[in-house]
PDB file of all heavy atoms in Angstrom:
ATOM      1  N   ASP A   1     100.730 113.871  82.494  1.00  0.00           N
ATOM      2  CA  ASP A   1     100.509 114.580  81.191  1.00  0.00           C
ATOM      3  C   ASP A   1      99.289 115.521  81.308  1.00  0.00           C
ATOM      4  O   ASP A   1      98.465 115.518  80.388  1.00  0.00           O
ATOM      5  CB  ASP A   1     100.316 113.349  80.080  1.00  0.00           C
ATOM      6  CG  ASP A   1     100.514 114.003  78.731  1.00  0.00           C
ATOM      7  OD1 ASP A   1     101.258 114.951  78.616  1.00  0.00           O
ATOM      8  OD2 ASP A   1      99.930 113.461  77.781  1.00  0.00           O
ATOM      9  N   TYR A   2      99.306 116.249  82.284  1.00  0.00           N
ATOM     10  CA  TYR A   2      98.251 117.287  82.546  1.00  0.00           C
ATOM     11  C   TYR A   2      98.186 118.315  81.390  1.00  0.00           C
ATOM     12  O   TYR A   2      97.180 118.851  81.099  1.00  0.00           O
ATOM     13  CB  TYR A   2      98.339 117.883  83.838  1.00  0.00           C
ATOM     14  CG  TYR A   2      99.509 118.819  83.989  1.00  0.00           C
ATOM     15  CD1 TYR A   2      99.433 120.127  83.673  1.00  0.00           C
ATOM     16  CD2 TYR A   2     100.733 118.291  84.328  1.00  0.00           C
ATOM     17  CE1 TYR A   2     100.568 120.994  83.800  1.00  0.00           C
ATOM     18  CE2 TYR A   2     101.881 119.181  84.547  1.00  0.00           C
ATOM     19  CZ  TYR A   2     101.714 120.461  84.231  1.00  0.00           C
ATOM     20  OH  TYR A   2     102.865 121.324  84.255  1.00  0.00           O
ATOM     21  N   ASP A   3      99.379 118.553  80.795  1.00  0.00           N
ATOM     22  CA  ASP A   3      99.520 119.585  79.723  1.00  0.00           C
ATOM     23  C   ASP A   3      99.331 119.038  78.341  1.00  0.00           C
ATOM     24  O   ASP A   3      99.345 119.698  77.402  1.00  0.00           O
ATOM     25  CB  ASP A   3     100.657 120.420  79.853  1.00  0.00           C
ATOM     26  CG  ASP A   3     101.907 119.575  79.649  1.00  0.00           C
ATOM     27  OD1 ASP A   3     101.825 118.347  79.494  1.00  0.00           O
ATOM     28  OD2 ASP A   3     103.080 120.211  79.530  1.00  0.00           O
ATOM     29  N   GLN A   4      99.039 117.677  78.228  1.00  0.00           N
ATOM     30  CA  GLN A   4      98.800 116.984  77.026  1.00  0.00           C
ATOM     31  C   GLN A   4     100.033 117.048  76.029  1.00  0.00           C
ATOM     32  O   GLN A   4      99.951 117.045  74.871  1.00  0.00           O
ATOM     33  CB  GLN A   4      97.582 117.532  76.262  1.00  0.00           C
ATOM     34  CG  GLN A   4      96.278 117.365  77.093  1.00  0.00           C
ATOM     35  CD  GLN A   4      95.945 115.935  77.415  1.00  0.00           C
ATOM     36  OE1 GLN A   4      95.744 115.068  76.474  1.00  0.00           O
ATOM     37  NE2 GLN A   4      95.781 115.592  78.650  1.00  0.00           N
ATOM     38  N   SER A   5     101.144 117.268  76.638  1.00  0.00           N
ATOM     39  CA  SER A   5     102.431 117.352  75.810  1.00  0.00           C
ATOM     40  C   SER A   5     102.992 116.037  75.370  1.00  0.00           C
ATOM     41  O   SER A   5     103.776 115.925  74.304  1.00  0.00           O
ATOM     42  CB  SER A   5     103.517 118.085  76.597  1.00  0.00           C
ATOM     43  OG  SER A   5     103.994 117.211  77.668  1.00  0.00           O
ATOM     44  N   GLY A   6     102.532 114.922  76.045  1.00  0.00           N
ATOM     45  CA  GLY A   6     103.087 113.675  75.616  1.00  0.00           C
ATOM     46  C   GLY A   6     104.439 113.380  76.127  1.00  0.00           C
ATOM     47  O   GLY A   6     105.101 112.329  75.773  1.00  0.00           O
ATOM     48  N   GLY A   7     104.995 114.234  76.932  1.00  0.00           N
ATOM     49  CA  GLY A   7     106.292 114.105  77.490  1.00  0.00           C
ATOM     50  C   GLY A   7     106.327 113.325  78.738  1.00  0.00           C
ATOM     51  O   GLY A   7     105.408 113.279  79.544  1.00  0.00           O
ATOM     52  N   VAL A   8     107.427 112.691  79.020  1.00  0.00           N
ATOM     53  CA  VAL A   8     107.614 111.859  80.236  1.00  0.00           C
ATOM     54  C   VAL A   8     108.708 112.622  81.099  1.00  0.00           C
ATOM     55  O   VAL A   8     109.750 113.021  80.584  1.00  0.00           O
ATOM     56  CB  VAL A   8     108.153 110.428  79.790  1.00  0.00           C
ATOM     57  CG1 VAL A   8     108.572 109.850  81.216  1.00  0.00           C
ATOM     58  CG2 VAL A   8     107.214 109.670  79.167  1.00  0.00           C
ATOM     59  N   LEU A   9     108.320 112.879  82.334  1.00  0.00           N
ATOM     60  CA  LEU A   9     109.258 113.361  83.251  1.00  0.00           C
ATOM     61  C   LEU A   9     109.318 112.433  84.471  1.00  0.00           C
ATOM     62  O   LEU A   9     108.274 112.181  85.258  1.00  0.00           O
ATOM     63  CB  LEU A   9     108.739 114.678  83.752  1.00  0.00           C
ATOM     64  CG  LEU A   9     109.521 115.383  84.926  1.00  0.00           C
ATOM     65  CD1 LEU A   9     110.964 115.732  84.378  1.00  0.00           C
ATOM     66  CD2 LEU A   9     108.880 116.648  85.417  1.00  0.00           C
ATOM     67  N   LEU A  10     110.425 111.868  84.713  1.00  0.00           N
ATOM     68  CA  LEU A  10     110.645 111.021  85.908  1.00  0.00           C
ATOM     69  C   LEU A  10     111.444 111.773  86.898  1.00  0.00           C
ATOM     70  O   LEU A  10     112.355 112.377  86.619  1.00  0.00           O
ATOM     71  CB  LEU A  10     111.419 109.809  85.441  1.00  0.00           C
ATOM     72  CG  LEU A  10     110.725 108.849  84.446  1.00  0.00           C
ATOM     73  CD1 LEU A  10     111.743 107.683  84.122  1.00  0.00           C
ATOM     74  CD2 LEU A  10     109.396 108.399  84.947  1.00  0.00           C
ATOM     75  N   SER A  11     110.891 111.812  88.029  1.00  0.00           N
ATOM     76  CA  SER A  11     111.591 112.477  89.272  1.00  0.00           C
ATOM     77  C   SER A  11     112.229 111.490  90.205  1.00  0.00           C
ATOM     78  O   SER A  11     112.249 110.267  89.959  1.00  0.00           O
ATOM     79  CB  SER A  11     110.509 113.387  89.949  1.00  0.00           C
ATOM     80  OG  SER A  11     109.615 112.629  90.686  1.00  0.00           O
ATOM     81  N   GLU A  12     112.610 112.028  91.312  1.00  0.00           N
ATOM     82  CA  GLU A  12     113.215 111.266  92.369  1.00  0.00           C
ATOM     83  C   GLU A  12     112.243 110.176  92.855  1.00  0.00           C
ATOM     84  O   GLU A  12     112.584 109.205  93.443  1.00  0.00           O
ATOM     85  CB  GLU A  12     113.868 112.084  93.488  1.00  0.00           C
ATOM     86  CG  GLU A  12     112.869 112.604  94.406  1.00  0.00           C
ATOM     87  CD  GLU A  12     111.942 113.740  93.908  1.00  0.00           C
ATOM     88  OE1 GLU A  12     112.253 114.332  92.863  1.00  0.00           O
ATOM     89  OE2 GLU A  12     111.016 114.058  94.627  1.00  0.00           O
ATOM     90  N   LYS A  13     110.953 110.468  92.735  1.00  0.00           N
ATOM     91  CA  LYS A  13     109.882 109.692  93.224  1.00  0.00           C
ATOM     92  C   LYS A  13     109.999 108.199  92.580  1.00  0.00           C
ATOM     93  O   LYS A  13     109.762 107.216  93.200  1.00  0.00           O
ATOM     94  CB  LYS A  13     108.505 110.275  92.951  1.00  0.00           C
ATOM     95  CG  LYS A  13     108.270 111.581  93.632  1.00  0.00           C
ATOM     96  CD  LYS A  13     107.064 112.228  93.148  1.00  0.00           C
ATOM     97  CE  LYS A  13     106.947 113.690  93.540  1.00  0.00           C
ATOM     98  NZ  LYS A  13     106.044 114.417  92.826  1.00  0.00           N
ATOM     99  N   THR A  14     110.260 108.152  91.288  1.00  0.00           N
ATOM    100  CA  THR A  14     110.397 106.904  90.584  1.00  0.00           C
ATOM    101  C   THR A  14     111.556 106.146  91.111  1.00  0.00           C
ATOM    102  O   THR A  14     111.491 104.898  91.147  1.00  0.00           O
ATOM    103  CB  THR A  14     110.436 107.176  89.078  1.00  0.00           C
ATOM    104  OG1 THR A  14     109.255 107.719  88.747  1.00  0.00           O
ATOM    105  CG2 THR A  14     110.769 105.923  88.350  1.00  0.00           C
ATOM    106  N   PHE A  15     112.644 106.789  91.431  1.00  0.00           N
ATOM    107  CA  PHE A  15     113.881 106.147  91.807  1.00  0.00           C
ATOM    108  C   PHE A  15     113.920 105.739  93.241  1.00  0.00           C
ATOM    109  O   PHE A  15     114.792 104.877  93.546  1.00  0.00           O
ATOM    110  CB  PHE A  15     115.179 107.000  91.440  1.00  0.00           C
ATOM    111  CG  PHE A  15     115.215 107.169  89.937  1.00  0.00           C
ATOM    112  CD1 PHE A  15     114.679 108.278  89.351  1.00  0.00           C
ATOM    113  CD2 PHE A  15     115.697 106.169  89.157  1.00  0.00           C
ATOM    114  CE1 PHE A  15     114.707 108.472  87.868  1.00  0.00           C
ATOM    115  CE2 PHE A  15     115.726 106.261  87.690  1.00  0.00           C
ATOM    116  CZ  PHE A  15     115.350 107.445  87.135  1.00  0.00           C
ATOM    117  N   LYS A  16     113.092 106.214  94.009  1.00  0.00           N
ATOM    118  CA  LYS A  16     112.961 105.838  95.552  1.00  0.00           C
ATOM    119  C   LYS A  16     112.669 104.306  95.635  1.00  0.00           C
ATOM    120  O   LYS A  16     113.409 103.651  96.325  1.00  0.00           O
ATOM    121  CB  LYS A  16     111.992 106.801  96.232  1.00  0.00           C
ATOM    122  CG  LYS A  16     111.929 106.508  97.706  1.00  0.00           C
ATOM    123  CD  LYS A  16     111.057 107.490  98.342  1.00  0.00           C
ATOM    124  CE  LYS A  16     111.030 107.184  99.922  1.00  0.00           C
ATOM    125  NZ  LYS A  16     110.139 108.270 100.564  1.00  0.00           N
ATOM    126  N   PRO A  17     111.645 103.612  94.983  1.00  0.00           N
ATOM    127  CA  PRO A  17     111.468 102.311  95.172  1.00  0.00           C
ATOM    128  C   PRO A  17     112.521 101.458  94.564  1.00  0.00           C
ATOM    129  O   PRO A  17     112.810 100.420  94.971  1.00  0.00           O
ATOM    130  CB  PRO A  17     110.098 102.161  94.459  1.00  0.00           C
ATOM    131  CG  PRO A  17     109.917 103.225  93.584  1.00  0.00           C
ATOM    132  CD  PRO A  17     110.575 104.335  94.221  1.00  0.00           C
ATOM    133  N   ILE A  18     113.182 101.948  93.552  1.00  0.00           N
ATOM    134  CA  ILE A  18     114.256 101.130  92.937  1.00  0.00           C
ATOM    135  C   ILE A  18     115.474 101.216  93.904  1.00  0.00           C
ATOM    136  O   ILE A  18     115.959  99.996  94.171  1.00  0.00           O
ATOM    137  CB  ILE A  18     114.801 101.959  91.565  1.00  0.00           C
ATOM    138  CG1 ILE A  18     113.814 101.766  90.621  1.00  0.00           C
ATOM    139  CG2 ILE A  18     116.147 101.298  91.196  1.00  0.00           C
ATOM    140  CD1 ILE A  18     113.993 102.491  89.249  1.00  0.00           C
ATOM    141  N   LYS A  19     115.723 102.200  94.486  1.00  0.00           N
ATOM    142  CA  LYS A  19     116.943 102.284  95.589  1.00  0.00           C
ATOM    143  C   LYS A  19     116.455 101.364  96.703  1.00  0.00           C
ATOM    144  O   LYS A  19     117.382 100.593  97.303  1.00  0.00           O
ATOM    145  CB  LYS A  19     117.055 103.704  96.030  1.00  0.00           C
ATOM    146  CG  LYS A  19     118.167 103.848  97.027  1.00  0.00           C
ATOM    147  CD  LYS A  19     118.345 105.263  97.577  1.00  0.00           C
ATOM    148  CE  LYS A  19     119.312 105.387  98.714  1.00  0.00           C
ATOM    149  NZ  LYS A  19     119.439 106.575  99.284  1.00  0.00           N
ATOM    150  N   HIS A  20     115.224 101.374  97.163  1.00  0.00           N
ATOM    151  CA  HIS A  20     114.852 100.717  98.324  1.00  0.00           C
ATOM    152  C   HIS A  20     114.337  99.186  98.095  1.00  0.00           C
ATOM    153  O   HIS A  20     113.843  98.568  99.042  1.00  0.00           O
ATOM    154  CB  HIS A  20     113.882 101.503  99.165  1.00  0.00           C
ATOM    155  CG  HIS A  20     114.353 102.715  99.729  1.00  0.00           C
ATOM    156  ND1 HIS A  20     115.309 102.710 100.754  1.00  0.00           N
ATOM    157  CD2 HIS A  20     114.267 104.024  99.330  1.00  0.00           C
ATOM    158  CE1 HIS A  20     115.639 103.986 101.004  1.00  0.00           C
ATOM    159  NE2 HIS A  20     115.049 104.772 100.052  1.00  0.00           N
ATOM    160  N   GLY A  21     114.416  98.778  96.827  1.00  0.00           N
ATOM    161  CA  GLY A  21     114.177  97.366  96.525  1.00  0.00           C
ATOM    162  C   GLY A  21     112.685  97.002  96.506  1.00  0.00           C
ATOM    163  O   GLY A  21     112.236  96.026  97.274  1.00  0.00           O
ATOM    164  N   GLN A  22     111.886  97.893  95.728  1.00  0.00           N
ATOM    165  CA  GLN A  22     110.494  97.478  95.714  1.00  0.00           C
ATOM    166  C   GLN A  22     110.070  97.418  94.185  1.00  0.00           C
ATOM    167  O   GLN A  22     110.580  98.079  93.341  1.00  0.00           O
ATOM    168  CB  GLN A  22     109.667  98.585  96.349  1.00  0.00           C
ATOM    169  CG  GLN A  22     109.873  98.724  97.712  1.00  0.00           C
ATOM    170  CD  GLN A  22     109.174  99.942  98.375  1.00  0.00           C
ATOM    171  OE1 GLN A  22     109.068 100.995  97.665  1.00  0.00           O
ATOM    172  NE2 GLN A  22     108.690  99.877  99.592  1.00  0.00           N
ATOM    173  N   MET A  23     109.037  96.585  94.027  1.00  0.00           N
ATOM    174  CA  MET A  23     108.358  96.670  92.786  1.00  0.00           C
ATOM    175  C   MET A  23     107.563  97.994  92.634  1.00  0.00           C
ATOM    176  O   MET A  23     107.379  98.584  93.713  1.00  0.00           O
ATOM    177  CB  MET A  23     107.295  95.535  92.605  1.00  0.00           C
ATOM    178  CG  MET A  23     107.863  94.146  92.699  1.00  0.00           C
ATOM    179  SD  MET A  23     106.473  92.879  92.501  1.00  0.00           S
ATOM    180  CE  MET A  23     105.491  93.207  94.001  1.00  0.00           C
ATOM    181  N   PHE A  24     107.122  98.340  91.569  1.00  0.00           N
ATOM    182  CA  PHE A  24     106.403  99.696  91.456  1.00  0.00           C
ATOM    183  C   PHE A  24     105.503  99.823  90.184  1.00  0.00           C
ATOM    184  O   PHE A  24     105.663  99.154  89.199  1.00  0.00           O
ATOM    185  CB  PHE A  24     107.500 100.877  91.377  1.00  0.00           C
ATOM    186  CG  PHE A  24     108.484 100.678  90.251  1.00  0.00           C
ATOM    187  CD1 PHE A  24     108.205 101.120  88.988  1.00  0.00           C
ATOM    188  CD2 PHE A  24     109.680 100.174  90.560  1.00  0.00           C
ATOM    189  CE1 PHE A  24     109.256 100.875  88.092  1.00  0.00           C
ATOM    190  CE2 PHE A  24     110.680  99.931  89.683  1.00  0.00           C
ATOM    191  CZ  PHE A  24     110.427 100.394  88.259  1.00  0.00           C
ATOM    192  N   PHE A  25     104.553 100.595  90.334  1.00  0.00           N
ATOM    193  CA  PHE A  25     103.778 101.086  89.375  1.00  0.00           C
ATOM    194  C   PHE A  25     103.960 102.663  89.280  1.00  0.00           C
ATOM    195  O   PHE A  25     104.074 103.206  90.295  1.00  0.00           O
ATOM    196  CB  PHE A  25     102.266 100.861  89.539  1.00  0.00           C
ATOM    197  CG  PHE A  25     101.798  99.457  89.483  1.00  0.00           C
ATOM    198  CD1 PHE A  25     101.697  98.621  90.735  1.00  0.00           C
ATOM    199  CD2 PHE A  25     101.415  98.790  88.296  1.00  0.00           C
ATOM    200  CE1 PHE A  25     101.288  97.337  90.619  1.00  0.00           C
ATOM    201  CE2 PHE A  25     101.067  97.501  88.226  1.00  0.00           C
ATOM    202  CZ  PHE A  25     101.007  96.645  89.350  1.00  0.00           C
ATOM    203  N   ILE A  26     104.002 103.144  88.112  1.00  0.00           N
ATOM    204  CA  ILE A  26     104.182 104.597  87.942  1.00  0.00           C
ATOM    205  C   ILE A  26     102.858 105.229  87.390  1.00  0.00           C
ATOM    206  O   ILE A  26     102.337 104.950  86.347  1.00  0.00           O
ATOM    207  CB  ILE A  26     105.394 104.900  86.926  1.00  0.00           C
ATOM    208  CG1 ILE A  26     106.650 104.389  87.431  1.00  0.00           C
ATOM    209  CG2 ILE A  26     105.376 106.520  86.743  1.00  0.00           C
ATOM    210  CD1 ILE A  26     107.756 104.627  86.542  1.00  0.00           C
ATOM    211  N   VAL A  27     102.386 106.192  88.215  1.00  0.00           N
ATOM    212  CA  VAL A  27     101.263 106.931  87.776  1.00  0.00           C
ATOM    213  C   VAL A  27     101.787 108.184  87.150  1.00  0.00           C
ATOM    214  O   VAL A  27     102.207 109.148  87.862  1.00  0.00           O
ATOM    215  CB  VAL A  27     100.342 107.345  89.065  1.00  0.00           C
ATOM    216  CG1 VAL A  27      99.141 108.137  88.601  1.00  0.00           C
ATOM    217  CG2 VAL A  27      99.906 106.105  89.863  1.00  0.00           C
ATOM    218  N   GLY A  28     101.960 108.166  85.827  1.00  0.00           N
ATOM    219  CA  GLY A  28     102.713 109.186  85.215  1.00  0.00           C
ATOM    220  C   GLY A  28     102.324 109.200  83.694  1.00  0.00           C
ATOM    221  O   GLY A  28     101.398 108.443  83.347  1.00  0.00           O
ATOM    222  N   ALA A  29     103.078 109.923  82.921  1.00  0.00           N
ATOM    223  CA  ALA A  29     102.748 109.989  81.484  1.00  0.00           C
ATOM    224  C   ALA A  29     102.971 108.664  80.815  1.00  0.00           C
ATOM    225  O   ALA A  29     103.829 107.787  81.304  1.00  0.00           O
ATOM    226  CB  ALA A  29     103.674 111.012  80.890  1.00  0.00           C
ATOM    227  N   ALA A  30     102.295 108.424  79.782  1.00  0.00           N
ATOM    228  CA  ALA A  30     102.431 107.204  78.893  1.00  0.00           C
ATOM    229  C   ALA A  30     103.923 107.199  78.477  1.00  0.00           C
ATOM    230  O   ALA A  30     104.447 108.151  78.052  1.00  0.00           O
ATOM    231  CB  ALA A  30     101.496 107.352  77.639  1.00  0.00           C
ATOM    232  N   GLY A  31     104.435 105.913  78.601  1.00  0.00           N
ATOM    233  CA  GLY A  31     105.829 105.780  78.153  1.00  0.00           C
ATOM    234  C   GLY A  31     106.870 105.929  79.306  1.00  0.00           C
ATOM    235  O   GLY A  31     107.992 105.700  79.098  1.00  0.00           O
ATOM    236  N   SER A  32     106.328 106.156  80.498  1.00  0.00           N
ATOM    237  CA  SER A  32     107.296 106.300  81.681  1.00  0.00           C
ATOM    238  C   SER A  32     108.110 105.037  81.840  1.00  0.00           C
ATOM    239  O   SER A  32     109.309 105.062  82.070  1.00  0.00           O
ATOM    240  CB  SER A  32     106.487 106.582  82.898  1.00  0.00           C
ATOM    241  OG  SER A  32     105.885 107.793  82.855  1.00  0.00           O
ATOM    242  N   LEU A  33     107.412 103.866  81.885  1.00  0.00           N
ATOM    243  CA  LEU A  33     108.186 102.605  81.987  1.00  0.00           C
ATOM    244  C   LEU A  33     109.212 102.422  80.889  1.00  0.00           C
ATOM    245  O   LEU A  33     110.311 101.804  81.155  1.00  0.00           O
ATOM    246  CB  LEU A  33     107.182 101.448  82.126  1.00  0.00           C
ATOM    247  CG  LEU A  33     106.313 101.416  83.353  1.00  0.00           C
ATOM    248  CD1 LEU A  33     105.302 100.255  83.353  1.00  0.00           C
ATOM    249  CD2 LEU A  33     107.169 101.352  84.663  1.00  0.00           C
TER     250      LEU A  33
END
């Protein structure tokens, strides 16, 4: 949220641990989870 828009953008980075069977924390905008 560098631009203070309040928007969430999930990229392939978020889905990589899902695909590979890992727990995860997301360093991203509020509301990502």
